[in-house]
Amino acid sequence: MGDVAGAAAGYETGRGGLYPPSAMHTRNPLLDQVAKLSVAAVGIAQAAGEEVRSAARAGTDRLASEFDLVRRDEYEALRDEVAALRTEIERLKAEPGG
């Protein structure tokens, strides 16, 4: 008997209890269409954002290659190699007869 009163008050019945109507569940077709359009618009905006990021990355990579810029990992590897060579030169200078 309580289930009938709850269902009449707008609550959904199921699995031993009454549940309030879900926020996304509606019986209004206009609101359903608005919700679907909103979800589609968010999807399109996310895809457009990914495209912009991809295009920006490609543009910066192109500019870096045009200006003969090096990547950080290449710079750090060369820096470490130069430091090792400087250490070797100092060691050779310190040897007798060097």
Protein backbone atom coordinates (compact mmCIF):
# COMPACT_ATOMS: atom_id res chain seq x y z
CA MET A 1 0.00 0.00 0.00
CA GLY A 2 2.90 2.36 0.79
CA ASP A 3 4.40 1.65 -2.65
CA VAL A 4 1.24 2.85 -4.35
CA ALA A 5 1.26 6.11 -2.39
CA GLY A 6 4.94 6.62 -3.11
CA ALA A 7 4.48 5.92 -6.81
CA ALA A 8 1.62 8.37 -6.89
CA ALA A 9 3.86 11.00 -5.28
CA GLY A 10 6.32 10.72 -8.16
CA TYR A 11 8.73 8.19 -6.65
CA GLU A 12 9.84 5.11 -8.57
CA THR A 13 9.45 1.67 -7.04
CA GLY A 14 11.99 -1.07 -7.26
CA ARG A 15 13.97 -3.63 -5.29
CA GLY A 16 12.30 -3.24 -1.97
CA GLY A 17 12.06 0.51 -1.76
CA LEU A 18 11.06 3.80 -3.22
CA TYR A 19 13.56 5.92 -5.10
CA PRO A 20 13.23 9.56 -6.06
CA PRO A 21 13.04 10.15 -9.80
CA SER A 22 16.50 10.43 -11.35
CA ALA A 23 17.68 13.89 -12.35
CA MET A 24 18.20 12.89 -16.01
CA HIS A 25 14.92 11.02 -16.36
CA THR A 26 12.16 13.12 -17.80
CA ARG A 27 8.91 12.55 -19.58
CA ASN A 28 9.04 15.85 -21.46
CA PRO A 29 10.16 15.26 -25.09
CA LEU A 30 11.39 18.84 -25.44
CA LEU A 31 13.68 18.46 -22.42
CA ASP A 32 14.86 15.10 -23.75
CA GLN A 33 15.86 16.75 -27.03
CA VAL A 34 17.60 19.61 -25.22
CA ALA A 35 19.55 17.10 -23.12
CA LYS A 36 20.58 15.13 -26.22
CA LEU A 37 21.66 18.30 -28.00
CA SER A 38 23.66 19.38 -24.95
CA VAL A 39 25.49 16.06 -24.83
CA ALA A 40 26.21 16.28 -28.56
CA ALA A 41 27.48 19.86 -28.20
CA VAL A 42 29.87 18.83 -25.42
CA GLY A 43 31.18 16.00 -27.58
CA ILE A 44 31.74 18.35 -30.51
CA ALA A 45 33.50 20.89 -28.25
CA GLN A 46 35.83 18.20 -26.89
CA ALA A 47 36.67 17.01 -30.40
CA ALA A 48 37.33 20.58 -31.51
CA GLY A 49 39.62 21.10 -28.52
CA GLU A 50 41.62 18.01 -29.46
CA GLU A 51 41.93 19.27 -33.03
CA VAL A 52 43.20 22.65 -31.84
CA ARG A 53 45.77 21.00 -29.57
CA SER A 54 46.91 18.75 -32.38
CA ALA A 55 47.23 21.63 -34.83
CA ALA A 56 49.12 23.75 -32.28
CA ARG A 57 51.54 20.91 -31.56
CA ALA A 58 52.16 20.37 -35.27
CA GLY A 59 52.73 24.10 -35.76
CA THR A 60 55.23 24.35 -32.91
CA ASP A 61 57.07 21.24 -34.13
CA ARG A 62 57.29 22.80 -37.60
CA LEU A 63 58.62 26.07 -36.18
CA ALA A 64 61.16 24.24 -34.04
CA SER A 65 62.48 22.42 -37.08
CA GLU A 66 62.61 25.65 -39.15
CA PHE A 67 64.62 27.47 -36.46
CA ASP A 68 66.93 24.49 -35.88
CA LEU A 69 65.91 24.27 -32.24
CA VAL A 70 66.78 21.17 -30.27
CA ARG A 71 64.57 19.21 -27.94
CA ARG A 72 65.30 19.20 -24.21
CA ASP A 73 66.39 15.55 -24.16
CA GLU A 74 68.89 16.16 -26.97
CA TYR A 75 70.21 19.26 -25.19
CA GLU A 76 70.61 17.44 -21.87
CA ALA A 77 72.42 14.51 -23.53
CA LEU A 78 74.86 16.87 -25.25
CA ARG A 79 75.36 18.88 -22.05
CA ASP A 80 76.24 15.70 -20.13
CA GLU A 81 78.64 14.63 -22.88
CA VAL A 82 80.39 18.03 -22.85
CA ALA A 83 80.70 17.91 -19.04
CA ALA A 84 82.30 14.46 -19.28
CA LEU A 85 84.74 15.70 -21.94
CA ARG A 86 85.70 18.72 -19.81
CA THR A 87 86.41 16.42 -16.89
CA GLU A 88 88.56 14.24 -19.14
CA ILE A 89 90.47 17.29 -20.45
CA GLU A 90 91.15 18.51 -16.90
CA ARG A 91 92.35 15.04 -15.93
CA LEU A 92 94.70 14.91 -18.93
CA LYS A 93 96.06 18.40 -18.16
CA ALA A 94 96.81 17.36 -14.59
CA GLU A 95 98.92 14.36 -15.68
CA PRO A 96 102.67 14.84 -15.80
CA GLY A 97 103.82 15.66 -19.32
CA GLY A 98 100.24 16.67 -20.31
